[in-house]
Amino acid sequence: MQDKLTSSKKRVTLLSQVVLESEQMIEKIDSLISSAYTPEYVYTDLTRERTLLAIETMKIKNRIALSN
């Protein structure tokens, strides 16, 4: 039972790190999107990727919340 609990805590720690890194990446993408020098086609791609990353990040956050 203790091994299962330890494993679960490690998984939550790793997932929390992924969330943190994803949120940092979203901030970087937001910075690029708001740049006046970003071409339209890059803006479109960045917006799509940002949205997908935000969705996956929320899924991980929900998974963490359910495991606690």
PDB file of N, CA and C in Angstrom:
ATOM      1  N   MET A   1       0.827  -1.198   0.000  1.00  0.00           N
ATOM      2  CA  MET A   1       0.000   0.000   0.000  1.00  0.00           C
ATOM      3  C   MET A   1       0.867   1.255   0.000  1.00  0.00           C
ATOM      4  N   GLN A   2       1.946   1.230   0.789  1.00  0.00           N
ATOM      5  CA  GLN A   2       2.840   2.387   0.880  1.00  0.00           C
ATOM      6  C   GLN A   2       3.512   2.655  -0.468  1.00  0.00           C
ATOM      7  N   ASP A   3       3.898   1.583  -1.177  1.00  0.00           N
ATOM      8  CA  ASP A   3       4.517   1.736  -2.494  1.00  0.00           C
ATOM      9  C   ASP A   3       3.576   2.409  -3.475  1.00  0.00           C
ATOM     10  N   LYS A   4       2.312   2.037  -3.398  1.00  0.00           N
ATOM     11  CA  LYS A   4       1.305   2.632  -4.273  1.00  0.00           C
ATOM     12  C   LYS A   4       1.144   4.121  -3.974  1.00  0.00           C
ATOM     13  N   LEU A   5       1.156   4.486  -2.701  1.00  0.00           N
ATOM     14  CA  LEU A   5       1.046   5.877  -2.291  1.00  0.00           C
ATOM     15  C   LEU A   5       2.268   6.673  -2.739  1.00  0.00           C
ATOM     16  N   THR A   6       3.441   6.109  -2.568  1.00  0.00           N
ATOM     17  CA  THR A   6       4.673   6.763  -2.990  1.00  0.00           C
ATOM     18  C   THR A   6       4.676   6.962  -4.502  1.00  0.00           C
ATOM     19  N   SER A   7       4.263   5.947  -5.226  1.00  0.00           N
ATOM     20  CA  SER A   7       4.187   6.018  -6.682  1.00  0.00           C
ATOM     21  C   SER A   7       3.208   7.109  -7.117  1.00  0.00           C
ATOM     22  N   SER A   8       2.081   7.184  -6.444  1.00  0.00           N
ATOM     23  CA  SER A   8       1.074   8.196  -6.747  1.00  0.00           C
ATOM     24  C   SER A   8       1.612   9.607  -6.492  1.00  0.00           C
ATOM     25  N   LYS A   9       2.339   9.779  -5.403  1.00  0.00           N
ATOM     26  CA  LYS A   9       2.920  11.087  -5.091  1.00  0.00           C
ATOM     27  C   LYS A   9       3.964  11.485  -6.125  1.00  0.00           C
ATOM     28  N   LYS A  10       4.768  10.524  -6.575  1.00  0.00           N
ATOM     29  CA  LYS A  10       5.764  10.808  -7.608  1.00  0.00           C
ATOM     30  C   LYS A  10       5.086  11.224  -8.904  1.00  0.00           C
ATOM     31  N   ARG A  11       4.013  10.520  -9.238  1.00  0.00           N
ATOM     32  CA  ARG A  11       3.285  10.834 -10.467  1.00  0.00           C
ATOM     33  C   ARG A  11       2.696  12.241 -10.397  1.00  0.00           C
ATOM     34  N   VAL A  12       2.126  12.599  -9.255  1.00  0.00           N
ATOM     35  CA  VAL A  12       1.552  13.936  -9.078  1.00  0.00           C
ATOM     36  C   VAL A  12       2.659  14.995  -9.155  1.00  0.00           C
ATOM     37  N   THR A  13       3.816  14.701  -8.577  1.00  0.00           N
ATOM     38  CA  THR A  13       4.934  15.630  -8.640  1.00  0.00           C
ATOM     39  C   THR A  13       5.383  15.852 -10.083  1.00  0.00           C
ATOM     40  N   LEU A  14       5.488  14.763 -10.837  1.00  0.00           N
ATOM     41  CA  LEU A  14       5.882  14.877 -12.241  1.00  0.00           C
ATOM     42  C   LEU A  14       4.832  15.624 -13.058  1.00  0.00           C
ATOM     43  N   LEU A  15       3.580  15.313 -12.828  1.00  0.00           N
ATOM     44  CA  LEU A  15       2.514  16.008 -13.546  1.00  0.00           C
ATOM     45  C   LEU A  15       2.480  17.489 -13.192  1.00  0.00           C
ATOM     46  N   SER A  16       2.745  17.811 -11.936  1.00  0.00           N
ATOM     47  CA  SER A  16       2.787  19.215 -11.513  1.00  0.00           C
ATOM     48  C   SER A  16       3.913  19.949 -12.223  1.00  0.00           C
ATOM     49  N   GLN A  17       5.034  19.278 -12.414  1.00  0.00           N
ATOM     50  CA  GLN A  17       6.156  19.879 -13.140  1.00  0.00           C
ATOM     51  C   GLN A  17       5.791  20.115 -14.600  1.00  0.00           C
ATOM     52  N   VAL A  18       5.079  19.168 -15.192  1.00  0.00           N
ATOM     53  CA  VAL A  18       4.624  19.322 -16.578  1.00  0.00           C
ATOM     54  C   VAL A  18       3.687  20.522 -16.691  1.00  0.00           C
ATOM     55  N   VAL A  19       2.782  20.671 -15.732  1.00  0.00           N
ATOM     56  CA  VAL A  19       1.853  21.804 -15.729  1.00  0.00           C
ATOM     57  C   VAL A  19       2.635  23.119 -15.642  1.00  0.00           C
ATOM     58  N   LEU A  20       3.593  23.185 -14.746  1.00  0.00           N
ATOM     59  CA  LEU A  20       4.398  24.393 -14.582  1.00  0.00           C
ATOM     60  C   LEU A  20       5.119  24.746 -15.881  1.00  0.00           C
ATOM     61  N   GLU A  21       5.757  23.763 -16.489  1.00  0.00           N
ATOM     62  CA  GLU A  21       6.467  24.000 -17.746  1.00  0.00           C
ATOM     63  C   GLU A  21       5.504  24.387 -18.865  1.00  0.00           C
ATOM     64  N   SER A  22       4.344  23.775 -18.900  1.00  0.00           N
ATOM     65  CA  SER A  22       3.340  24.113 -19.917  1.00  0.00           C
ATOM     66  C   SER A  22       2.849  25.542 -19.748  1.00  0.00           C
ATOM     67  N   GLU A  23       2.620  25.949 -18.504  1.00  0.00           N
ATOM     68  CA  GLU A  23       2.161  27.314 -18.259  1.00  0.00           C
ATOM     69  C   GLU A  23       3.242  28.324 -18.633  1.00  0.00           C
ATOM     70  N   GLN A  24       4.497  27.992 -18.414  1.00  0.00           N
ATOM     71  CA  GLN A  24       5.593  28.869 -18.831  1.00  0.00           C
ATOM     72  C   GLN A  24       5.652  28.963 -20.354  1.00  0.00           C
ATOM     73  N   MET A  25       5.431  27.842 -21.027  1.00  0.00           N
ATOM     74  CA  MET A  25       5.425  27.830 -22.484  1.00  0.00           C
ATOM     75  C   MET A  25       4.257  28.660 -23.015  1.00  0.00           C
ATOM     76  N   ILE A  26       3.114  28.566 -22.380  1.00  0.00           N
ATOM     77  CA  ILE A  26       1.955  29.368 -22.792  1.00  0.00           C
ATOM     78  C   ILE A  26       2.274  30.853 -22.669  1.00  0.00           C
ATOM     79  N   GLU A  27       2.943  31.245 -21.604  1.00  0.00           N
ATOM     80  CA  GLU A  27       3.339  32.650 -21.432  1.00  0.00           C
ATOM     81  C   GLU A  27       4.281  33.093 -22.554  1.00  0.00           C
ATOM     82  N   LYS A  28       5.222  32.240 -22.931  1.00  0.00           N
ATOM     83  CA  LYS A  28       6.148  32.565 -24.022  1.00  0.00           C
ATOM     84  C   LYS A  28       5.401  32.700 -25.346  1.00  0.00           C
ATOM     85  N   ILE A  29       4.468  31.782 -25.575  1.00  0.00           N
ATOM     86  CA  ILE A  29       3.664  31.842 -26.801  1.00  0.00           C
ATOM     87  C   ILE A  29       2.837  33.124 -26.817  1.00  0.00           C
ATOM     88  N   ASP A  30       2.225  33.472 -25.679  1.00  0.00           N
ATOM     89  CA  ASP A  30       1.446  34.710 -25.591  1.00  0.00           C
ATOM     90  C   ASP A  30       2.314  35.920 -25.929  1.00  0.00           C
ATOM     91  N   SER A  31       3.551  35.906 -25.463  1.00  0.00           N
ATOM     92  CA  SER A  31       4.475  36.996 -25.749  1.00  0.00           C
ATOM     93  C   SER A  31       4.753  37.085 -27.246  1.00  0.00           C
ATOM     94  N   LEU A  32       4.961  35.950 -27.879  1.00  0.00           N
ATOM     95  CA  LEU A  32       5.196  35.943 -29.331  1.00  0.00           C
ATOM     96  C   LEU A  32       3.959  36.395 -30.100  1.00  0.00           C
ATOM     97  N   ILE A  33       2.793  35.931 -29.651  1.00  0.00           N
ATOM     98  CA  ILE A  33       1.543  36.305 -30.324  1.00  0.00           C
ATOM     99  C   ILE A  33       1.327  37.809 -30.265  1.00  0.00           C
ATOM    100  N   SER A  34       1.658  38.417 -29.135  1.00  0.00           N
ATOM    101  CA  SER A  34       1.415  39.853 -28.977  1.00  0.00           C
ATOM    102  C   SER A  34       2.498  40.718 -29.629  1.00  0.00           C
ATOM    103  N   SER A  35       3.543  40.088 -30.137  1.00  0.00           N
ATOM    104  CA  SER A  35       4.610  40.839 -30.793  1.00  0.00           C
ATOM    105  C   SER A  35       4.127  41.439 -32.107  1.00  0.00           C
ATOM    106  N   ALA A  36       4.487  42.678 -32.312  1.00  0.00           N
ATOM    107  CA  ALA A  36       4.089  43.367 -33.544  1.00  0.00           C
ATOM    108  C   ALA A  36       4.794  42.782 -34.760  1.00  0.00           C
ATOM    109  N   TYR A  37       5.858  42.038 -34.546  1.00  0.00           N
ATOM    110  CA  TYR A  37       6.664  41.512 -35.648  1.00  0.00           C
ATOM    111  C   TYR A  37       6.293  40.089 -36.055  1.00  0.00           C
ATOM    112  N   THR A  38       5.275  39.531 -35.432  1.00  0.00           N
ATOM    113  CA  THR A  38       4.865  38.163 -35.749  1.00  0.00           C
ATOM    114  C   THR A  38       4.016  38.163 -37.019  1.00  0.00           C
ATOM    115  N   PRO A  39       4.471  37.467 -38.074  1.00  0.00           N
ATOM    116  CA  PRO A  39       3.672  37.399 -39.316  1.00  0.00           C
ATOM    117  C   PRO A  39       2.333  36.696 -39.064  1.00  0.00           C
ATOM    118  N   GLU A  40       1.362  36.969 -39.916  1.00  0.00           N
ATOM    119  CA  GLU A  40       0.009  36.434 -39.740  1.00  0.00           C
ATOM    120  C   GLU A  40      -0.024  34.907 -39.705  1.00  0.00           C
ATOM    121  N   TYR A  41       0.709  34.269 -40.606  1.00  0.00           N
ATOM    122  CA  TYR A  41       0.681  32.802 -40.636  1.00  0.00           C
ATOM    123  C   TYR A  41       1.302  32.208 -39.365  1.00  0.00           C
ATOM    124  N   VAL A  42       2.307  32.864 -38.814  1.00  0.00           N
ATOM    125  CA  VAL A  42       2.908  32.403 -37.560  1.00  0.00           C
ATOM    126  C   VAL A  42       1.931  32.649 -36.413  1.00  0.00           C
ATOM    127  N   TYR A  43       1.284  33.796 -36.431  1.00  0.00           N
ATOM    128  CA  TYR A  43       0.283  34.133 -35.414  1.00  0.00           C
ATOM    129  C   TYR A  43      -0.797  33.050 -35.360  1.00  0.00           C
ATOM    130  N   THR A  44      -1.286  32.635 -36.520  1.00  0.00           N
ATOM    131  CA  THR A  44      -2.332  31.614 -36.600  1.00  0.00           C
ATOM    132  C   THR A  44      -1.844  30.286 -36.028  1.00  0.00           C
ATOM    133  N   ASP A  45      -0.652  29.876 -36.422  1.00  0.00           N
ATOM    134  CA  ASP A  45      -0.090  28.615 -35.907  1.00  0.00           C
ATOM    135  C   ASP A  45       0.133  28.681 -34.395  1.00  0.00           C
ATOM    136  N   LEU A  46       0.675  29.791 -33.925  1.00  0.00           N
ATOM    137  CA  LEU A  46       0.927  29.945 -32.489  1.00  0.00           C
ATOM    138  C   LEU A  46      -0.366  29.918 -31.693  1.00  0.00           C
ATOM    139  N   THR A  47      -1.386  30.560 -32.212  1.00  0.00           N
ATOM    140  CA  THR A  47      -2.670  30.593 -31.524  1.00  0.00           C
ATOM    141  C   THR A  47      -3.247  29.185 -31.411  1.00  0.00           C
ATOM    142  N   ARG A  48      -3.149  28.426 -32.494  1.00  0.00           N
ATOM    143  CA  ARG A  48      -3.649  27.040 -32.484  1.00  0.00           C
ATOM    144  C   ARG A  48      -2.864  26.194 -31.482  1.00  0.00           C
ATOM    145  N   GLU A  49      -1.557  26.280 -31.532  1.00  0.00           N
ATOM    146  CA  GLU A  49      -0.718  25.501 -30.620  1.00  0.00           C
ATOM    147  C   GLU A  49      -0.939  25.907 -29.168  1.00  0.00           C
ATOM    148  N   ARG A  50      -1.128  27.193 -28.924  1.00  0.00           N
ATOM    149  CA  ARG A  50      -1.382  27.688 -27.572  1.00  0.00           C
ATOM    150  C   ARG A  50      -2.680  27.105 -27.036  1.00  0.00           C
ATOM    151  N   THR A  51      -3.695  27.087 -27.885  1.00  0.00           N
ATOM    152  CA  THR A  51      -4.995  26.549 -27.482  1.00  0.00           C
ATOM    153  C   THR A  51      -4.889  25.063 -27.141  1.00  0.00           C
ATOM    154  N   LEU A  52      -4.203  24.313 -27.990  1.00  0.00           N
ATOM    155  CA  LEU A  52      -4.038  22.874 -27.738  1.00  0.00           C
ATOM    156  C   LEU A  52      -3.245  22.633 -26.456  1.00  0.00           C
ATOM    157  N   LEU A  53      -2.193  23.408 -26.242  1.00  0.00           N
ATOM    158  CA  LEU A  53      -1.385  23.268 -25.036  1.00  0.00           C
ATOM    159  C   LEU A  53      -2.203  23.610 -23.793  1.00  0.00           C
ATOM    160  N   ALA A  54      -3.006  24.653 -23.878  1.00  0.00           N
ATOM    161  CA  ALA A  54      -3.846  25.049 -22.739  1.00  0.00           C
ATOM    162  C   ALA A  54      -4.868  23.958 -22.405  1.00  0.00           C
ATOM    163  N   ILE A  55      -5.430  23.340 -23.423  1.00  0.00           N
ATOM    164  CA  ILE A  55      -6.404  22.266 -23.204  1.00  0.00           C
ATOM    165  C   ILE A  55      -5.736  21.072 -22.519  1.00  0.00           C
ATOM    166  N   GLU A  56      -4.580  20.672 -23.019  1.00  0.00           N
ATOM    167  CA  GLU A  56      -3.872  19.537 -22.420  1.00  0.00           C
ATOM    168  C   GLU A  56      -3.428  19.855 -20.992  1.00  0.00           C
ATOM    169  N   THR A  57      -3.033  21.095 -20.757  1.00  0.00           N
ATOM    170  CA  THR A  57      -2.629  21.512 -19.412  1.00  0.00           C
ATOM    171  C   THR A  57      -3.808  21.420 -18.450  1.00  0.00           C
ATOM    172  N   MET A  58      -4.971  21.834 -18.890  1.00  0.00           N
ATOM    173  CA  MET A  58      -6.169  21.740 -18.039  1.00  0.00           C
ATOM    174  C   MET A  58      -6.524  20.282 -17.749  1.00  0.00           C
ATOM    175  N   LYS A  59      -6.351  19.408 -18.736  1.00  0.00           N
ATOM    176  CA  LYS A  59      -6.612  17.987 -18.516  1.00  0.00           C
ATOM    177  C   LYS A  59      -5.693  17.438 -17.427  1.00  0.00           C
ATOM    178  N   ILE A  60      -4.422  17.832 -17.484  1.00  0.00           N
ATOM    179  CA  ILE A  60      -3.470  17.365 -16.469  1.00  0.00           C
ATOM    180  C   ILE A  60      -3.829  17.926 -15.099  1.00  0.00           C
ATOM    181  N   LYS A  61      -4.210  19.201 -15.053  1.00  0.00           N
ATOM    182  CA  LYS A  61      -4.616  19.807 -13.772  1.00  0.00           C
ATOM    183  C   LYS A  61      -5.814  19.070 -13.180  1.00  0.00           C
ATOM    184  N   ASN A  62      -6.754  18.721 -14.019  1.00  0.00           N
ATOM    185  CA  ASN A  62      -7.923  17.961 -13.552  1.00  0.00           C
ATOM    186  C   ASN A  62      -7.526  16.581 -13.048  1.00  0.00           C
ATOM    187  N   ARG A  63      -6.601  15.965 -13.731  1.00  0.00           N
ATOM    188  CA  ARG A  63      -6.110  14.645 -13.306  1.00  0.00           C
ATOM    189  C   ARG A  63      -5.437  14.728 -11.940  1.00  0.00           C
ATOM    190  N   ILE A  64      -4.643  15.789 -11.744  1.00  0.00           N
ATOM    191  CA  ILE A  64      -3.988  15.995 -10.444  1.00  0.00           C
ATOM    192  C   ILE A  64      -5.037  16.207  -9.368  1.00  0.00           C
ATOM    193  N   ALA A  65      -6.024  17.039  -9.657  1.00  0.00           N
ATOM    194  CA  ALA A  65      -7.071  17.332  -8.677  1.00  0.00           C
ATOM    195  C   ALA A  65      -7.840  16.078  -8.288  1.00  0.00           C
ATOM    196  N   LEU A  66      -8.108  15.217  -9.259  1.00  0.00           N
ATOM    197  CA  LEU A  66      -8.834  13.986  -8.974  1.00  0.00           C
ATOM    198  C   LEU A  66      -8.000  12.995  -8.169  1.00  0.00           C
ATOM    199  N   SER A  67      -6.692  13.070  -8.289  1.00  0.00           N
ATOM    200  CA  SER A  67      -5.843  12.121  -7.569  1.00  0.00           C
ATOM    201  C   SER A  67      -5.610  12.541  -6.119  1.00  0.00           C
ATOM    202  N   ASN A  68      -5.918  13.786  -5.789  1.00  0.00           N
ATOM    203  CA  ASN A  68      -5.723  14.259  -4.405  1.00  0.00           C
ATOM    204  C   ASN A  68      -6.910  13.971  -3.527  1.00  0.00           C
TER     205      ASN A  68
END
